[in-house]
PDB file of N, CA and C in Angstrom:
ATOM      1  N   UNK A   1       0.841  -1.186   0.000  1.00  0.00           N
ATOM      2  CA  UNK A   1       0.000   0.000   0.000  1.00  0.00           C
ATOM      3  C   UNK A   1       0.881   1.242   0.000  1.00  0.00           C
ATOM      4  N   UNK A   2       0.544   2.242  -0.789  1.00  0.00           N
ATOM      5  CA  UNK A   2       1.340   3.462  -0.853  1.00  0.00           C
ATOM      6  C   UNK A   2       1.382   4.185   0.499  1.00  0.00           C
ATOM      7  N   UNK A   3       2.579   4.618   0.858  1.00  0.00           N
ATOM      8  CA  UNK A   3       2.795   5.340   2.115  1.00  0.00           C
ATOM      9  C   UNK A   3       3.575   6.604   1.826  1.00  0.00           C
ATOM     10  N   UNK A   4       3.254   7.656   2.564  1.00  0.00           N
ATOM     11  CA  UNK A   4       3.970   8.914   2.418  1.00  0.00           C
ATOM     12  C   UNK A   4       4.195   9.547   3.790  1.00  0.00           C
ATOM     13  N   UNK A   5       5.264  10.308   3.885  1.00  0.00           N
ATOM     14  CA  UNK A   5       5.527  11.138   5.046  1.00  0.00           C
ATOM     15  C   UNK A   5       5.411  12.583   4.588  1.00  0.00           C
ATOM     16  N   UNK A   6       4.695  13.392   5.359  1.00  0.00           N
ATOM     17  CA  UNK A   6       4.539  14.805   5.024  1.00  0.00           C
ATOM     18  C   UNK A   6       5.106  15.616   6.179  1.00  0.00           C
ATOM     19  N   UNK A   7       6.077  16.460   5.880  1.00  0.00           N
ATOM     20  CA  UNK A   7       6.654  17.369   6.863  1.00  0.00           C
ATOM     21  C   UNK A   7       6.003  18.724   6.648  1.00  0.00           C
ATOM     22  N   UNK A   8       5.481  19.309   7.709  1.00  0.00           N
ATOM     23  CA  UNK A   8       4.686  20.531   7.594  1.00  0.00           C
ATOM     24  C   UNK A   8       5.295  21.656   8.408  1.00  0.00           C
ATOM     25  N   UNK A   9       5.419  22.820   7.782  1.00  0.00           N
ATOM     26  CA  UNK A   9       5.740  24.058   8.475  1.00  0.00           C
ATOM     27  C   UNK A   9       4.437  24.820   8.648  1.00  0.00           C
ATOM     28  N   UNK A  10       4.215  25.337   9.854  1.00  0.00           N
ATOM     29  CA  UNK A  10       2.974  26.054  10.126  1.00  0.00           C
ATOM     30  C   UNK A  10       3.268  27.410  10.756  1.00  0.00           C
ATOM     31  N   UNK A  11       2.238  28.247  10.780  1.00  0.00           N
ATOM     32  CA  UNK A  11       2.368  29.521  11.470  1.00  0.00           C
ATOM     33  C   UNK A  11       2.642  29.256  12.943  1.00  0.00           C
ATOM     34  N   UNK A  12       3.400  30.124  13.562  1.00  0.00           N
ATOM     35  CA  UNK A  12       3.778  29.978  14.965  1.00  0.00           C
ATOM     36  C   UNK A  12       2.547  29.804  15.855  1.00  0.00           C
ATOM     37  N   UNK A  13       2.546  28.736  16.647  1.00  0.00           N
ATOM     38  CA  UNK A  13       1.476  28.494  17.603  1.00  0.00           C
ATOM     39  C   UNK A  13       0.225  27.856  17.037  1.00  0.00           C
ATOM     40  N   UNK A  14       0.235  27.482  15.765  1.00  0.00           N
ATOM     41  CA  UNK A  14      -0.974  26.918  15.155  1.00  0.00           C
ATOM     42  C   UNK A  14      -0.911  25.406  14.997  1.00  0.00           C
ATOM     43  N   UNK A  15       0.135  24.777  15.515  1.00  0.00           N
ATOM     44  CA  UNK A  15       0.316  23.350  15.264  1.00  0.00           C
ATOM     45  C   UNK A  15      -0.803  22.483  15.830  1.00  0.00           C
ATOM     46  N   UNK A  16      -1.300  22.761  17.007  1.00  0.00           N
ATOM     47  CA  UNK A  16      -2.375  21.943  17.589  1.00  0.00           C
ATOM     48  C   UNK A  16      -3.661  22.056  16.770  1.00  0.00           C
ATOM     49  N   UNK A  17      -3.953  23.240  16.317  1.00  0.00           N
ATOM     50  CA  UNK A  17      -5.136  23.469  15.484  1.00  0.00           C
ATOM     51  C   UNK A  17      -5.025  22.708  14.157  1.00  0.00           C
ATOM     52  N   UNK A  18      -3.851  22.743  13.552  1.00  0.00           N
ATOM     53  CA  UNK A  18      -3.628  22.045  12.283  1.00  0.00           C
ATOM     54  C   UNK A  18      -3.694  20.533  12.486  1.00  0.00           C
ATOM     55  N   UNK A  19      -3.095  20.034  13.547  1.00  0.00           N
ATOM     56  CA  UNK A  19      -3.151  18.601  13.840  1.00  0.00           C
ATOM     57  C   UNK A  19      -4.601  18.149  13.969  1.00  0.00           C
ATOM     58  N   UNK A  20      -5.427  18.915  14.656  1.00  0.00           N
ATOM     59  CA  UNK A  20      -6.845  18.565  14.799  1.00  0.00           C
ATOM     60  C   UNK A  20      -7.532  18.536  13.438  1.00  0.00           C
ATOM     61  N   UNK A  21      -7.248  19.525  12.591  1.00  0.00           N
ATOM     62  CA  UNK A  21      -7.874  19.569  11.272  1.00  0.00           C
ATOM     63  C   UNK A  21      -7.449  18.380  10.412  1.00  0.00           C
ATOM     64  N   UNK A  22      -6.170  18.015  10.479  1.00  0.00           N
ATOM     65  CA  UNK A  22      -5.690  16.865   9.706  1.00  0.00           C
ATOM     66  C   UNK A  22      -6.346  15.579  10.207  1.00  0.00           C
ATOM     67  N   UNK A  23      -6.451  15.424  11.523  1.00  0.00           N
ATOM     68  CA  UNK A  23      -7.118  14.243  12.077  1.00  0.00           C
ATOM     69  C   UNK A  23      -8.565  14.178  11.590  1.00  0.00           C
ATOM     70  N   UNK A  24      -9.268  15.305  11.595  1.00  0.00           N
ATOM     71  CA  UNK A  24     -10.649  15.335  11.115  1.00  0.00           C
ATOM     72  C   UNK A  24     -10.733  14.914   9.652  1.00  0.00           C
ATOM     73  N   UNK A  25      -9.813  15.405   8.835  1.00  0.00           N
ATOM     74  CA  UNK A  25      -9.782  15.044   7.411  1.00  0.00           C
ATOM     75  C   UNK A  25      -9.541  13.550   7.247  1.00  0.00           C
ATOM     76  N   UNK A  26      -8.520  13.044   7.912  1.00  0.00           N
ATOM     77  CA  UNK A  26      -8.122  11.647   7.717  1.00  0.00           C
ATOM     78  C   UNK A  26      -9.091  10.654   8.355  1.00  0.00           C
ATOM     79  N   UNK A  27      -9.757  11.048   9.424  1.00  0.00           N
ATOM     80  CA  UNK A  27     -10.756  10.169  10.041  1.00  0.00           C
ATOM     81  C   UNK A  27     -11.967   9.971   9.132  1.00  0.00           C
ATOM     82  N   UNK A  28     -12.193  10.902   8.217  1.00  0.00           N
ATOM     83  CA  UNK A  28     -13.320  10.806   7.283  1.00  0.00           C
ATOM     84  C   UNK A  28     -12.950  10.140   5.965  1.00  0.00           C
ATOM     85  N   UNK A  29     -11.710   9.698   5.833  1.00  0.00           N
ATOM     86  CA  UNK A  29     -11.250   9.025   4.617  1.00  0.00           C
ATOM     87  C   UNK A  29     -11.309   7.514   4.815  1.00  0.00           C
ATOM     88  N   UNK A  30     -11.918   6.831   3.861  1.00  0.00           N
ATOM     89  CA  UNK A  30     -11.975   5.373   3.916  1.00  0.00           C
ATOM     90  C   UNK A  30     -10.633   4.789   3.485  1.00  0.00           C
ATOM     91  N   UNK A  31     -10.257   3.668   4.065  1.00  0.00           N
ATOM     92  CA  UNK A  31      -9.041   2.922   3.688  1.00  0.00           C
ATOM     93  C   UNK A  31      -7.771   3.744   3.845  1.00  0.00           C
ATOM     94  N   UNK A  32      -7.703   4.550   4.898  1.00  0.00           N
ATOM     95  CA  UNK A  32      -6.514   5.366   5.171  1.00  0.00           C
ATOM     96  C   UNK A  32      -6.086   5.128   6.612  1.00  0.00           C
ATOM     97  N   UNK A  33      -4.787   4.878   6.799  1.00  0.00           N
ATOM     98  CA  UNK A  33      -4.195   4.778   8.133  1.00  0.00           C
ATOM     99  C   UNK A  33      -3.222   5.939   8.269  1.00  0.00           C
ATOM    100  N   UNK A  34      -3.090   6.469   9.476  1.00  0.00           N
ATOM    101  CA  UNK A  34      -2.185   7.603   9.639  1.00  0.00           C
ATOM    102  C   UNK A  34      -1.613   7.665  11.046  1.00  0.00           C
ATOM    103  N   UNK A  35      -0.495   8.377  11.139  1.00  0.00           N
ATOM    104  CA  UNK A  35       0.115   8.765  12.405  1.00  0.00           C
ATOM    105  C   UNK A  35       0.468  10.229  12.257  1.00  0.00           C
ATOM    106  N   UNK A  36       0.310  11.001  13.309  1.00  0.00           N
ATOM    107  CA  UNK A  36       0.623  12.426  13.241  1.00  0.00           C
ATOM    108  C   UNK A  36       1.254  12.861  14.557  1.00  0.00           C
ATOM    109  N   UNK A  37       2.309  13.659  14.455  1.00  0.00           N
ATOM    110  CA  UNK A  37       3.023  14.132  15.639  1.00  0.00           C
ATOM    111  C   UNK A  37       3.478  15.565  15.433  1.00  0.00           C
ATOM    112  N   UNK A  38       3.440  16.340  16.489  1.00  0.00           N
ATOM    113  CA  UNK A  38       4.124  17.623  16.511  1.00  0.00           C
ATOM    114  C   UNK A  38       5.582  17.349  16.829  1.00  0.00           C
ATOM    115  N   UNK A  39       6.494  18.070  16.188  1.00  0.00           N
ATOM    116  CA  UNK A  39       7.921  17.829  16.390  1.00  0.00           C
ATOM    117  C   UNK A  39       8.672  19.142  16.576  1.00  0.00           C
ATOM    118  N   UNK A  40       9.852  19.056  17.185  1.00  0.00           N
ATOM    119  CA  UNK A  40      10.758  20.197  17.298  1.00  0.00           C
ATOM    120  C   UNK A  40      11.741  20.146  16.147  1.00  0.00           C
ATOM    121  N   UNK A  41      12.169  21.279  15.681  1.00  0.00           N
ATOM    122  CA  UNK A  41      13.171  21.314  14.628  1.00  0.00           C
ATOM    123  C   UNK A  41      12.726  22.196  13.474  1.00  0.00           C
ATOM    124  N   UNK A  42      13.222  21.878  12.301  1.00  0.00           N
ATOM    125  CA  UNK A  42      12.934  22.672  11.107  1.00  0.00           C
ATOM    126  C   UNK A  42      11.449  22.618  10.764  1.00  0.00           C
ATOM    127  N   UNK A  43      10.818  21.468  10.976  1.00  0.00           N
ATOM    128  CA  UNK A  43       9.394  21.304  10.691  1.00  0.00           C
ATOM    129  C   UNK A  43       8.604  21.253  11.986  1.00  0.00           C
ATOM    130  N   UNK A  44       7.306  21.509  11.904  1.00  0.00           N
ATOM    131  CA  UNK A  44       6.452  21.576  13.084  1.00  0.00           C
ATOM    132  C   UNK A  44       5.605  20.326  13.290  1.00  0.00           C
ATOM    133  N   UNK A  45       5.236  19.676  12.179  1.00  0.00           N
ATOM    134  CA  UNK A  45       4.343  18.520  12.231  1.00  0.00           C
ATOM    135  C   UNK A  45       4.837  17.492  11.230  1.00  0.00           C
ATOM    136  N   UNK A  46       4.751  16.210  11.603  1.00  0.00           N
ATOM    137  CA  UNK A  46       5.039  15.134  10.650  1.00  0.00           C
ATOM    138  C   UNK A  46       3.829  14.209  10.612  1.00  0.00           C
ATOM    139  N   UNK A  47       3.435  13.841   9.395  1.00  0.00           N
ATOM    140  CA  UNK A  47       2.284  12.970   9.197  1.00  0.00           C
ATOM    141  C   UNK A  47       2.713  11.787   8.330  1.00  0.00           C
ATOM    142  N   UNK A  48       2.359  10.590   8.764  1.00  0.00           N
ATOM    143  CA  UNK A  48       2.569   9.387   7.960  1.00  0.00           C
ATOM    144  C   UNK A  48       1.192   8.902   7.530  1.00  0.00           C
ATOM    145  N   UNK A  49       0.997   8.760   6.222  1.00  0.00           N
ATOM    146  CA  UNK A  49      -0.291   8.313   5.707  1.00  0.00           C
ATOM    147  C   UNK A  49      -0.089   7.105   4.803  1.00  0.00           C
ATOM    148  N   UNK A  50      -0.906   6.086   5.019  1.00  0.00           N
ATOM    149  CA  UNK A  50      -0.952   4.921   4.149  1.00  0.00           C
ATOM    150  C   UNK A  50      -2.370   4.843   3.596  1.00  0.00           C
ATOM    151  N   UNK A  51      -2.480   4.703   2.281  1.00  0.00           N
ATOM    152  CA  UNK A  51      -3.798   4.645   1.641  1.00  0.00           C
ATOM    153  C   UNK A  51      -3.840   3.489   0.665  1.00  0.00           C
ATOM    154  N   UNK A  52      -5.023   3.243   0.133  1.00  0.00           N
ATOM    155  CA  UNK A  52      -5.201   2.128  -0.793  1.00  0.00           C
ATOM    156  C   UNK A  52      -4.691   2.427  -2.196  1.00  0.00           C
ATOM    157  N   UNK A  53      -4.448   3.704  -2.499  1.00  0.00           N
ATOM    158  CA  UNK A  53      -3.937   4.047  -3.830  1.00  0.00           C
ATOM    159  C   UNK A  53      -3.116   5.323  -3.790  1.00  0.00           C
ATOM    160  N   UNK A  54      -2.225   5.455  -4.751  1.00  0.00           N
ATOM    161  CA  UNK A  54      -1.404   6.655  -4.867  1.00  0.00           C
ATOM    162  C   UNK A  54      -2.279   7.866  -5.194  1.00  0.00           C
ATOM    163  N   UNK A  55      -3.305   7.652  -6.014  1.00  0.00           N
ATOM    164  CA  UNK A  55      -4.206   8.753  -6.364  1.00  0.00           C
ATOM    165  C   UNK A  55      -4.905   9.317  -5.136  1.00  0.00           C
ATOM    166  N   UNK A  56      -5.323   8.441  -4.232  1.00  0.00           N
ATOM    167  CA  UNK A  56      -5.972   8.909  -2.996  1.00  0.00           C
ATOM    168  C   UNK A  56      -4.995   9.734  -2.159  1.00  0.00           C
ATOM    169  N   UNK A  57      -3.747   9.266  -2.042  1.00  0.00           N
ATOM    170  CA  UNK A  57      -2.736  10.028  -1.295  1.00  0.00           C
ATOM    171  C   UNK A  57      -2.537  11.408  -1.904  1.00  0.00           C
ATOM    172  N   UNK A  58      -2.356  11.456  -3.215  1.00  0.00           N
ATOM    173  CA  UNK A  58      -2.160  12.750  -3.887  1.00  0.00           C
ATOM    174  C   UNK A  58      -3.328  13.689  -3.639  1.00  0.00           C
ATOM    175  N   UNK A  59      -4.528  13.165  -3.731  1.00  0.00           N
ATOM    176  CA  UNK A  59      -5.721  13.983  -3.528  1.00  0.00           C
ATOM    177  C   UNK A  59      -5.788  14.540  -2.106  1.00  0.00           C
ATOM    178  N   UNK A  60      -5.521  13.692  -1.126  1.00  0.00           N
ATOM    179  CA  UNK A  60      -5.551  14.123   0.275  1.00  0.00           C
ATOM    180  C   UNK A  60      -4.528  15.223   0.516  1.00  0.00           C
ATOM    181  N   UNK A  61      -3.310  15.013   0.027  1.00  0.00           N
ATOM    182  CA  UNK A  61      -2.236  15.980   0.259  1.00  0.00           C
ATOM    183  C   UNK A  61      -2.512  17.285  -0.466  1.00  0.00           C
ATOM    184  N   UNK A  62      -2.802  17.195  -1.759  1.00  0.00           N
ATOM    185  CA  UNK A  62      -2.956  18.393  -2.585  1.00  0.00           C
ATOM    186  C   UNK A  62      -4.242  19.148  -2.306  1.00  0.00           C
ATOM    187  N   UNK A  63      -5.337  18.437  -2.215  1.00  0.00           N
ATOM    188  CA  UNK A  63      -6.643  19.094  -2.120  1.00  0.00           C
ATOM    189  C   UNK A  63      -7.123  19.357  -0.704  1.00  0.00           C
ATOM    190  N   UNK A  64      -6.483  18.732   0.288  1.00  0.00           N
ATOM    191  CA  UNK A  64      -6.969  18.904   1.654  1.00  0.00           C
ATOM    192  C   UNK A  64      -5.901  19.445   2.599  1.00  0.00           C
ATOM    193  N   UNK A  65      -4.816  18.699   2.777  1.00  0.00           N
ATOM    194  CA  UNK A  65      -3.818  19.106   3.771  1.00  0.00           C
ATOM    195  C   UNK A  65      -3.122  20.407   3.379  1.00  0.00           C
ATOM    196  N   UNK A  66      -2.689  20.525   2.135  1.00  0.00           N
ATOM    197  CA  UNK A  66      -1.962  21.734   1.723  1.00  0.00           C
ATOM    198  C   UNK A  66      -2.846  22.980   1.716  1.00  0.00           C
ATOM    199  N   UNK A  67      -4.157  22.792   1.728  1.00  0.00           N
ATOM    200  CA  UNK A  67      -5.081  23.932   1.703  1.00  0.00           C
ATOM    201  C   UNK A  67      -5.544  24.366   3.090  1.00  0.00           C
ATOM    202  N   UNK A  68      -5.046  23.711   4.125  1.00  0.00           N
ATOM    203  CA  UNK A  68      -5.403  24.105   5.490  1.00  0.00           C
ATOM    204  C   UNK A  68      -4.808  25.480   5.771  1.00  0.00           C
ATOM    205  N   UNK A  69      -5.646  26.338   6.310  1.00  0.00           N
ATOM    206  CA  UNK A  69      -5.195  27.675   6.685  1.00  0.00           C
ATOM    207  C   UNK A  69      -4.081  27.561   7.722  1.00  0.00           C
ATOM    208  N   UNK A  70      -3.074  28.341   7.600  1.00  0.00           N
ATOM    209  CA  UNK A  70      -1.909  28.411   8.497  1.00  0.00           C
ATOM    210  C   UNK A  70      -0.853  27.345   8.220  1.00  0.00           C
ATOM    211  N   UNK A  71      -1.057  26.492   7.204  1.00  0.00           N
ATOM    212  CA  UNK A  71       0.013  25.604   6.750  1.00  0.00           C
ATOM    213  C   UNK A  71       0.887  26.446   5.832  1.00  0.00           C
ATOM    214  N   UNK A  72       2.123  26.662   6.247  1.00  0.00           N
ATOM    215  CA  UNK A  72       3.036  27.539   5.516  1.00  0.00           C
ATOM    216  C   UNK A  72       3.668  26.805   4.334  1.00  0.00           C
ATOM    217  N   UNK A  73       4.147  25.569   4.567  1.00  0.00           N
ATOM    218  CA  UNK A  73       4.743  24.779   3.492  1.00  0.00           C
ATOM    219  C   UNK A  73       4.728  23.307   3.881  1.00  0.00           C
ATOM    220  N   UNK A  74       4.904  22.454   2.857  1.00  0.00           N
ATOM    221  CA  UNK A  74       4.971  21.015   3.100  1.00  0.00           C
ATOM    222  C   UNK A  74       6.124  20.414   2.307  1.00  0.00           C
ATOM    223  N   UNK A  75       6.622  19.307   2.801  1.00  0.00           N
ATOM    224  CA  UNK A  75       7.597  18.493   2.075  1.00  0.00           C
ATOM    225  C   UNK A  75       7.067  17.068   2.131  1.00  0.00           C
ATOM    226  N   UNK A  76       6.802  16.501   0.961  1.00  0.00           N
ATOM    227  CA  UNK A  76       6.213  15.173   0.883  1.00  0.00           C
ATOM    228  C   UNK A  76       7.253  14.176   0.415  1.00  0.00           C
ATOM    229  N   UNK A  77       7.361  13.062   1.131  1.00  0.00           N
ATOM    230  CA  UNK A  77       8.305  12.001   0.781  1.00  0.00           C
ATOM    231  C   UNK A  77       7.526  10.700   0.626  1.00  0.00           C
ATOM    232  N   UNK A  78       7.526  10.170  -0.586  1.00  0.00           N
ATOM    233  CA  UNK A  78       6.838   8.907  -0.867  1.00  0.00           C
ATOM    234  C   UNK A  78       7.773   7.746  -0.552  1.00  0.00           C
ATOM    235  N   UNK A  79       7.257   6.737   0.120  1.00  0.00           N
ATOM    236  CA  UNK A  79       8.036   5.549   0.461  1.00  0.00           C
ATOM    237  C   UNK A  79       8.185   4.686  -0.795  1.00  0.00           C
ATOM    238  N   UNK A  80       9.384   4.132  -0.987  1.00  0.00           N
ATOM    239  CA  UNK A  80       9.634   3.217  -2.092  1.00  0.00           C
ATOM    240  C   UNK A  80       9.029   1.876  -1.696  1.00  0.00           C
ATOM    241  N   UNK A  81       7.926   1.526  -2.330  1.00  0.00           N
ATOM    242  CA  UNK A  81       7.169   0.340  -1.931  1.00  0.00           C
ATOM    243  C   UNK A  81       7.969  -0.959  -2.054  1.00  0.00           C
ATOM    244  N   UNK A  82       8.815  -1.056  -3.045  1.00  0.00           N
ATOM    245  CA  UNK A  82       9.590  -2.282  -3.242  1.00  0.00           C
ATOM    246  C   UNK A  82      10.513  -2.566  -2.065  1.00  0.00           C
ATOM    247  N   UNK A  83      10.919  -1.543  -1.348  1.00  0.00           N
ATOM    248  CA  UNK A  83      11.835  -1.724  -0.230  1.00  0.00           C
ATOM    249  C   UNK A  83      11.098  -2.067   1.063  1.00  0.00           C
ATOM    250  N   UNK A  84       9.773  -1.992   1.067  1.00  0.00           N
ATOM    251  CA  UNK A  84       9.004  -2.322   2.269  1.00  0.00           C
ATOM    252  C   UNK A  84       8.891  -3.825   2.468  1.00  0.00           C
ATOM    253  N   UNK A  85       9.116  -4.611   1.418  1.00  0.00           N
ATOM    254  CA  UNK A  85       8.903  -6.056   1.478  1.00  0.00           C
ATOM    255  C   UNK A  85      10.069  -6.777   2.092  1.00  0.00           C
TER     256      UNK A  85
END
C-alpha cells in the first residue's frame, strides 16, 4: 500500500489546530491509516499516511492538507514500496 511522510511548516502556535484539522480530514477518509506528531526542529508537524492508492494520497495531500489555513509549506516524501517487502 502506498505510504507517504509529510513534513509541515505552520504559522507559529498553530500546530495543535492544524493537527486537529488533519485528524478530522483523515478520520473521514476510507481505507486510510495515519500517524501524526508535533515535532521540534525545522518542521512543526510530521504525518505518515498509508492509503489504498497513490491517487488517494495525492488527492488528500494536494486538495486537503496543503489547503489548510496556516500551513506555511509542506515536504512530501513517498516511500519506495519495493523496499518495504
